[in-house]
Amino acid sequence: MLPYRTVENVIDGIVVSFVDITALKEVEKIAADARAFAETITDTIREALLVLDGNLKVVSANKVFYRNFEITREKTEGGHIFSLGNGQWDIPRLRNSSKRLSRRSLLSMTLRWSMTFQISGTGEWFLTPE
């Protein structure tokens, strides 16, 4: 809101402008519904699932991942994979690959490795593109 001033510089009202945000709110709802649907699907997967972006930052994980690694969503999402679990995910093969390859190349490759975690034990892991 802005004051309306007369020629004599006296406030004689206010100017109010409105913007229709209906379309924006509809798009936000569609996006939120899509994310909820995707989370529902990933939560039905019986194996631990971690979703990463092109910079290897955690976008999301499923309930099995959080339970198996005894970590919370708040400590996981938005963080870098190498910082998860006190650095347990700082896997040399993954780190070296991420340094020497372009983002596009990294997202098109499949890595496979075995490792032991303090909490969940030994497991075989795959990093595969979507």
N, C-alpha and C. Protein backbone atom coordinates (compact mmCIF):
# COMPACT_ATOMS: atom_id res chain seq x y z
N MET A 1 0.84 -1.17 0.00
CA MET A 1 0.00 0.00 0.00
C MET A 1 0.89 1.24 0.00
N LEU A 2 0.46 2.19 -0.75
CA LEU A 2 1.16 3.47 -0.81
C LEU A 2 0.16 4.59 -0.52
N PRO A 3 0.62 5.64 0.14
CA PRO A 3 -0.29 6.77 0.38
C PRO A 3 -0.54 7.54 -0.92
N TYR A 4 -1.74 8.06 -1.04
CA TYR A 4 -2.08 8.91 -2.17
C TYR A 4 -1.93 10.34 -1.69
N ARG A 5 -1.10 11.12 -2.36
CA ARG A 5 -0.86 12.52 -1.97
C ARG A 5 -1.46 13.47 -3.00
N THR A 6 -2.00 14.53 -2.49
CA THR A 6 -2.56 15.56 -3.36
C THR A 6 -1.45 16.44 -3.87
N VAL A 7 -1.80 17.40 -4.72
CA VAL A 7 -0.83 18.35 -5.25
C VAL A 7 -0.18 19.15 -4.13
N GLU A 8 -0.92 19.37 -3.05
CA GLU A 8 -0.40 20.09 -1.89
C GLU A 8 0.41 19.18 -0.95
N ASN A 9 0.68 17.96 -1.37
CA ASN A 9 1.45 16.98 -0.61
C ASN A 9 0.74 16.54 0.68
N VAL A 10 -0.58 16.48 0.62
CA VAL A 10 -1.37 16.03 1.75
C VAL A 10 -1.85 14.61 1.43
N ILE A 11 -1.72 13.72 2.40
CA ILE A 11 -2.20 12.35 2.19
C ILE A 11 -3.72 12.38 2.16
N ASP A 12 -4.26 11.86 1.06
CA ASP A 12 -5.70 11.92 0.87
C ASP A 12 -6.27 10.54 0.54
N GLY A 13 -5.54 9.49 0.90
CA GLY A 13 -6.02 8.14 0.65
C GLY A 13 -4.85 7.19 0.46
N ILE A 14 -5.16 6.00 0.02
CA ILE A 14 -4.11 5.01 -0.24
C ILE A 14 -4.35 4.35 -1.59
N VAL A 15 -3.28 3.85 -2.14
CA VAL A 15 -3.36 3.12 -3.39
C VAL A 15 -3.05 1.66 -3.06
N VAL A 16 -3.96 0.77 -3.41
CA VAL A 16 -3.80 -0.66 -3.16
C VAL A 16 -3.84 -1.35 -4.51
N SER A 17 -2.88 -2.25 -4.72
CA SER A 17 -2.91 -3.03 -5.97
C SER A 17 -2.99 -4.51 -5.61
N PHE A 18 -3.68 -5.25 -6.44
CA PHE A 18 -3.86 -6.68 -6.23
C PHE A 18 -3.29 -7.43 -7.44
N VAL A 19 -2.71 -8.58 -7.15
CA VAL A 19 -2.17 -9.43 -8.20
C VAL A 19 -2.81 -10.80 -8.06
N ASP A 20 -3.29 -11.33 -9.15
CA ASP A 20 -3.92 -12.64 -9.14
C ASP A 20 -2.83 -13.72 -9.08
N ILE A 21 -2.79 -14.45 -7.98
CA ILE A 21 -1.78 -15.50 -7.80
C ILE A 21 -2.41 -16.89 -7.88
N THR A 22 -3.60 -16.97 -8.39
CA THR A 22 -4.31 -18.26 -8.49
C THR A 22 -3.49 -19.28 -9.27
N ALA A 23 -2.97 -18.92 -10.43
CA ALA A 23 -2.20 -19.86 -11.25
C ALA A 23 -0.95 -20.32 -10.51
N LEU A 24 -0.27 -19.42 -9.82
CA LEU A 24 0.93 -19.77 -9.06
C LEU A 24 0.58 -20.78 -7.96
N LYS A 25 -0.48 -20.53 -7.25
CA LYS A 25 -0.90 -21.44 -6.17
C LYS A 25 -1.29 -22.81 -6.72
N GLU A 26 -1.93 -22.84 -7.89
CA GLU A 26 -2.30 -24.11 -8.51
C GLU A 26 -1.05 -24.91 -8.89
N VAL A 27 -0.04 -24.24 -9.43
CA VAL A 27 1.21 -24.92 -9.80
C VAL A 27 1.92 -25.43 -8.55
N GLU A 28 1.93 -24.64 -7.49
CA GLU A 28 2.54 -25.07 -6.24
C GLU A 28 1.85 -26.32 -5.70
N LYS A 29 0.53 -26.36 -5.78
CA LYS A 29 -0.22 -27.52 -5.30
C LYS A 29 0.09 -28.74 -6.15
N ILE A 30 0.16 -28.58 -7.46
CA ILE A 30 0.48 -29.70 -8.35
C ILE A 30 1.87 -30.25 -8.01
N ALA A 31 2.82 -29.36 -7.80
CA ALA A 31 4.19 -29.78 -7.45
C ALA A 31 4.21 -30.50 -6.11
N ALA A 32 3.50 -29.97 -5.12
CA ALA A 32 3.45 -30.61 -3.80
C ALA A 32 2.79 -31.99 -3.89
N ASP A 33 1.72 -32.10 -4.67
CA ASP A 33 1.05 -33.39 -4.85
C ASP A 33 1.96 -34.39 -5.54
N ALA A 34 2.71 -33.94 -6.54
CA ALA A 34 3.64 -34.82 -7.25
C ALA A 34 4.74 -35.32 -6.32
N ARG A 35 5.26 -34.43 -5.49
CA ARG A 35 6.31 -34.84 -4.54
C ARG A 35 5.75 -35.84 -3.54
N ALA A 36 4.55 -35.59 -3.03
CA ALA A 36 3.93 -36.52 -2.07
C ALA A 36 3.72 -37.89 -2.72
N PHE A 37 3.29 -37.89 -3.98
CA PHE A 37 3.08 -39.14 -4.71
C PHE A 37 4.41 -39.88 -4.86
N ALA A 38 5.46 -39.17 -5.25
CA ALA A 38 6.78 -39.79 -5.42
C ALA A 38 7.29 -40.35 -4.10
N GLU A 39 7.09 -39.62 -3.00
CA GLU A 39 7.53 -40.11 -1.68
C GLU A 39 6.76 -41.36 -1.29
N THR A 40 5.49 -41.41 -1.62
CA THR A 40 4.69 -42.60 -1.33
C THR A 40 5.26 -43.81 -2.07
N ILE A 41 5.64 -43.60 -3.32
CA ILE A 41 6.22 -44.70 -4.10
C ILE A 41 7.56 -45.13 -3.51
N THR A 42 8.45 -44.19 -3.22
CA THR A 42 9.77 -44.56 -2.70
C THR A 42 9.68 -45.22 -1.34
N ASP A 43 8.66 -44.86 -0.56
CA ASP A 43 8.52 -45.48 0.76
C ASP A 43 8.03 -46.92 0.68
N THR A 44 7.57 -47.36 -0.49
CA THR A 44 7.16 -48.76 -0.63
C THR A 44 8.33 -49.66 -1.02
N ILE A 45 9.45 -49.07 -1.39
CA ILE A 45 10.64 -49.84 -1.76
C ILE A 45 11.26 -50.42 -0.50
N ARG A 46 11.59 -51.69 -0.53
CA ARG A 46 12.08 -52.38 0.67
C ARG A 46 13.55 -52.13 0.96
N GLU A 47 14.30 -51.65 -0.03
CA GLU A 47 15.71 -51.35 0.16
C GLU A 47 15.87 -49.87 0.48
N ALA A 48 16.98 -49.54 1.11
CA ALA A 48 17.28 -48.14 1.40
C ALA A 48 17.49 -47.40 0.08
N LEU A 49 16.86 -46.25 -0.04
CA LEU A 49 16.94 -45.47 -1.28
C LEU A 49 17.32 -44.03 -0.94
N LEU A 50 18.31 -43.53 -1.64
CA LEU A 50 18.79 -42.17 -1.45
C LEU A 50 18.74 -41.49 -2.81
N VAL A 51 18.07 -40.35 -2.90
CA VAL A 51 17.95 -39.62 -4.16
C VAL A 51 18.89 -38.42 -4.10
N LEU A 52 19.77 -38.32 -5.09
CA LEU A 52 20.78 -37.25 -5.13
C LEU A 52 20.54 -36.35 -6.34
N ASP A 53 20.98 -35.10 -6.21
CA ASP A 53 20.94 -34.22 -7.38
C ASP A 53 22.28 -34.32 -8.11
N GLY A 54 22.47 -33.53 -9.13
CA GLY A 54 23.68 -33.60 -9.94
C GLY A 54 24.95 -33.18 -9.21
N ASN A 55 24.79 -32.53 -8.06
CA ASN A 55 25.95 -32.13 -7.25
C ASN A 55 26.18 -33.08 -6.09
N LEU A 56 25.49 -34.22 -6.13
CA LEU A 56 25.57 -35.26 -5.09
C LEU A 56 25.06 -34.77 -3.73
N LYS A 57 24.12 -33.85 -3.77
CA LYS A 57 23.43 -33.44 -2.54
C LYS A 57 22.14 -34.23 -2.44
N VAL A 58 21.77 -34.56 -1.21
CA VAL A 58 20.61 -35.41 -0.98
C VAL A 58 19.32 -34.62 -1.21
N VAL A 59 18.51 -35.13 -2.13
CA VAL A 59 17.19 -34.56 -2.39
C VAL A 59 16.18 -35.18 -1.44
N SER A 60 16.23 -36.50 -1.31
CA SER A 60 15.34 -37.20 -0.39
C SER A 60 15.86 -38.61 -0.17
N ALA A 61 15.24 -39.29 0.77
CA ALA A 61 15.54 -40.69 1.05
C ALA A 61 14.24 -41.34 1.50
N ASN A 62 14.21 -42.66 1.46
CA ASN A 62 12.98 -43.33 1.91
C ASN A 62 13.09 -43.70 3.39
N LYS A 63 11.97 -44.16 3.93
CA LYS A 63 11.91 -44.49 5.36
C LYS A 63 12.90 -45.59 5.73
N VAL A 64 13.10 -46.54 4.82
CA VAL A 64 14.05 -47.63 5.09
C VAL A 64 15.46 -47.08 5.28
N PHE A 65 15.84 -46.11 4.46
CA PHE A 65 17.16 -45.50 4.59
C PHE A 65 17.30 -44.84 5.97
N TYR A 66 16.31 -44.03 6.34
CA TYR A 66 16.38 -43.34 7.63
C TYR A 66 16.43 -44.33 8.79
N ARG A 67 15.65 -45.40 8.68
CA ARG A 67 15.63 -46.39 9.76
C ARG A 67 16.95 -47.17 9.81
N ASN A 68 17.43 -47.65 8.66
CA ASN A 68 18.65 -48.46 8.64
C ASN A 68 19.88 -47.69 9.10
N PHE A 69 19.94 -46.42 8.77
CA PHE A 69 21.11 -45.63 9.10
C PHE A 69 20.91 -44.74 10.32
N GLU A 70 19.74 -44.90 10.96
CA GLU A 70 19.44 -44.17 12.19
C GLU A 70 19.76 -42.68 12.06
N ILE A 71 19.19 -42.08 11.03
CA ILE A 71 19.42 -40.67 10.75
C ILE A 71 18.08 -40.02 10.44
N THR A 72 17.98 -38.74 10.66
CA THR A 72 16.72 -38.04 10.42
C THR A 72 16.73 -37.35 9.06
N ARG A 73 15.53 -37.05 8.61
CA ARG A 73 15.36 -36.32 7.35
C ARG A 73 16.08 -34.97 7.44
N GLU A 74 15.95 -34.30 8.58
CA GLU A 74 16.55 -32.98 8.75
C GLU A 74 18.07 -33.01 8.63
N LYS A 75 18.70 -34.09 9.08
CA LYS A 75 20.16 -34.20 9.00
C LYS A 75 20.63 -34.74 7.66
N THR A 76 19.69 -35.12 6.81
CA THR A 76 20.04 -35.76 5.55
C THR A 76 19.79 -34.86 4.35
N GLU A 77 18.55 -34.43 4.19
CA GLU A 77 18.16 -33.69 2.99
C GLU A 77 18.88 -32.35 2.89
N GLY A 78 19.38 -32.08 1.69
CA GLY A 78 20.10 -30.84 1.44
C GLY A 78 21.59 -30.95 1.70
N GLY A 79 22.00 -32.00 2.41
CA GLY A 79 23.41 -32.19 2.70
C GLY A 79 24.10 -32.96 1.59
N HIS A 80 25.41 -32.89 1.58
CA HIS A 80 26.21 -33.59 0.58
C HIS A 80 26.36 -35.05 0.99
N ILE A 81 26.37 -35.94 0.03
CA ILE A 81 26.47 -37.37 0.33
C ILE A 81 27.75 -37.67 1.12
N PHE A 82 28.81 -36.94 0.86
CA PHE A 82 30.08 -37.22 1.53
C PHE A 82 30.05 -36.87 3.01
N SER A 83 29.09 -36.08 3.44
CA SER A 83 29.02 -35.69 4.86
C SER A 83 28.06 -36.56 5.66
N LEU A 84 27.35 -37.47 5.02
CA LEU A 84 26.40 -38.32 5.73
C LEU A 84 27.11 -39.29 6.66
N GLY A 85 26.48 -39.59 7.77
CA GLY A 85 27.00 -40.62 8.68
C GLY A 85 28.41 -40.38 9.12
N ASN A 86 28.72 -39.16 9.54
CA ASN A 86 30.08 -38.82 9.98
C ASN A 86 31.13 -39.14 8.93
N GLY A 87 30.77 -38.95 7.67
CA GLY A 87 31.72 -39.15 6.58
C GLY A 87 31.80 -40.56 6.05
N GLN A 88 30.95 -41.47 6.54
CA GLN A 88 31.00 -42.86 6.07
C GLN A 88 30.70 -42.98 4.59
N TRP A 89 29.98 -41.99 4.05
CA TRP A 89 29.64 -42.03 2.63
C TRP A 89 30.70 -41.34 1.77
N ASP A 90 31.79 -40.94 2.39
CA ASP A 90 32.88 -40.32 1.63
C ASP A 90 33.69 -41.44 0.99
N ILE A 91 33.15 -41.98 -0.08
CA ILE A 91 33.68 -43.16 -0.75
C ILE A 91 34.69 -42.70 -1.80
N PRO A 92 35.95 -43.12 -1.69
CA PRO A 92 36.98 -42.64 -2.62
C PRO A 92 36.60 -42.80 -4.09
N ARG A 93 36.03 -43.94 -4.45
CA ARG A 93 35.67 -44.16 -5.86
C ARG A 93 34.63 -43.14 -6.33
N LEU A 94 33.66 -42.87 -5.48
CA LEU A 94 32.62 -41.90 -5.81
C LEU A 94 33.20 -40.49 -5.84
N ARG A 95 34.01 -40.15 -4.85
CA ARG A 95 34.61 -38.81 -4.80
C ARG A 95 35.52 -38.57 -6.00
N ASN A 96 36.35 -39.55 -6.33
CA ASN A 96 37.24 -39.40 -7.48
C ASN A 96 36.46 -39.28 -8.78
N SER A 97 35.41 -40.06 -8.92
CA SER A 97 34.59 -39.99 -10.12
C SER A 97 33.91 -38.63 -10.22
N SER A 98 33.44 -38.12 -9.12
CA SER A 98 32.73 -36.83 -9.15
C SER A 98 33.68 -35.68 -9.45
N LYS A 99 34.95 -35.82 -9.10
CA LYS A 99 35.93 -34.76 -9.37
C LYS A 99 36.33 -34.71 -10.84
N ARG A 100 36.49 -35.88 -11.46
CA ARG A 100 37.04 -35.89 -12.80
C ARG A 100 36.00 -35.92 -13.91
N LEU A 101 34.76 -36.19 -13.56
CA LEU A 101 33.73 -36.26 -14.58
C LEU A 101 32.82 -35.05 -14.53
N SER A 102 32.27 -34.72 -15.67
CA SER A 102 31.29 -33.64 -15.70
C SER A 102 30.01 -34.12 -15.01
N ARG A 103 29.18 -33.18 -14.64
CA ARG A 103 27.92 -33.52 -13.99
C ARG A 103 27.10 -34.47 -14.87
N ARG A 104 27.05 -34.19 -16.14
CA ARG A 104 26.27 -35.02 -17.07
C ARG A 104 26.83 -36.44 -17.11
N SER A 105 28.14 -36.57 -17.16
CA SER A 105 28.76 -37.89 -17.19
C SER A 105 28.48 -38.66 -15.90
N LEU A 106 28.59 -37.95 -14.78
CA LEU A 106 28.35 -38.58 -13.48
C LEU A 106 26.93 -39.11 -13.39
N LEU A 107 25.99 -38.36 -13.93
CA LEU A 107 24.59 -38.76 -13.87
C LEU A 107 24.25 -39.89 -14.84
N SER A 108 25.17 -40.22 -15.73
CA SER A 108 24.88 -41.29 -16.68
C SER A 108 25.65 -42.57 -16.38
N MET A 109 26.43 -42.58 -15.31
CA MET A 109 27.22 -43.76 -15.00
C MET A 109 26.61 -44.55 -13.85
N THR A 110 26.99 -45.80 -13.76
CA THR A 110 26.56 -46.65 -12.66
C THR A 110 27.81 -47.07 -11.90
N LEU A 111 27.82 -46.80 -10.59
CA LEU A 111 28.92 -47.24 -9.74
C LEU A 111 28.41 -48.36 -8.85
N ARG A 112 29.26 -49.32 -8.56
CA ARG A 112 28.90 -50.43 -7.68
C ARG A 112 30.05 -50.63 -6.70
N TRP A 113 29.73 -50.74 -5.43
CA TRP A 113 30.75 -50.95 -4.43
C TRP A 113 30.16 -51.65 -3.22
N SER A 114 31.04 -52.27 -2.43
CA SER A 114 30.65 -52.89 -1.17
C SER A 114 31.33 -52.11 -0.06
N MET A 115 30.63 -51.96 1.04
CA MET A 115 31.22 -51.27 2.17
C MET A 115 30.52 -51.66 3.44
N THR A 116 31.16 -51.39 4.56
CA THR A 116 30.59 -51.70 5.86
C THR A 116 30.31 -50.39 6.59
N PHE A 117 29.09 -50.29 7.10
CA PHE A 117 28.70 -49.13 7.89
C PHE A 117 28.61 -49.53 9.36
N GLN A 118 28.93 -48.61 10.25
CA GLN A 118 28.89 -48.88 11.68
C GLN A 118 27.52 -49.35 12.13
N ILE A 119 26.49 -48.77 11.56
CA ILE A 119 25.13 -49.05 12.04
C ILE A 119 24.51 -50.23 11.31
N SER A 120 24.54 -50.22 9.99
CA SER A 120 23.77 -51.21 9.23
C SER A 120 24.58 -52.41 8.74
N GLY A 121 25.88 -52.41 8.95
CA GLY A 121 26.70 -53.54 8.53
C GLY A 121 27.15 -53.44 7.09
N THR A 122 27.57 -54.58 6.54
CA THR A 122 28.10 -54.63 5.18
C THR A 122 26.96 -54.71 4.18
N GLY A 123 27.14 -54.00 3.10
CA GLY A 123 26.12 -54.04 2.06
C GLY A 123 26.73 -53.72 0.71
N GLU A 124 26.01 -54.06 -0.32
CA GLU A 124 26.42 -53.73 -1.67
C GLU A 124 25.58 -52.56 -2.12
N TRP A 125 26.23 -51.55 -2.70
CA TRP A 125 25.57 -50.30 -3.04
C TRP A 125 25.72 -50.00 -4.52
N PHE A 126 24.73 -49.35 -5.07
CA PHE A 126 24.73 -48.96 -6.47
C PHE A 126 24.40 -47.48 -6.56
N LEU A 127 25.12 -46.79 -7.39
CA LEU A 127 24.76 -45.41 -7.74
C LEU A 127 24.37 -45.46 -9.21
N THR A 128 23.10 -45.29 -9.47
CA THR A 128 22.61 -45.36 -10.84
C THR A 128 21.82 -44.11 -11.18
N PRO A 129 21.87 -43.69 -12.43
CA PRO A 129 21.09 -42.51 -12.83
C PRO A 129 19.62 -42.84 -12.87
N GLU A 130 18.80 -41.79 -12.81
CA GLU A 130 17.36 -41.98 -12.87
C GLU A 130 16.96 -42.39 -14.25
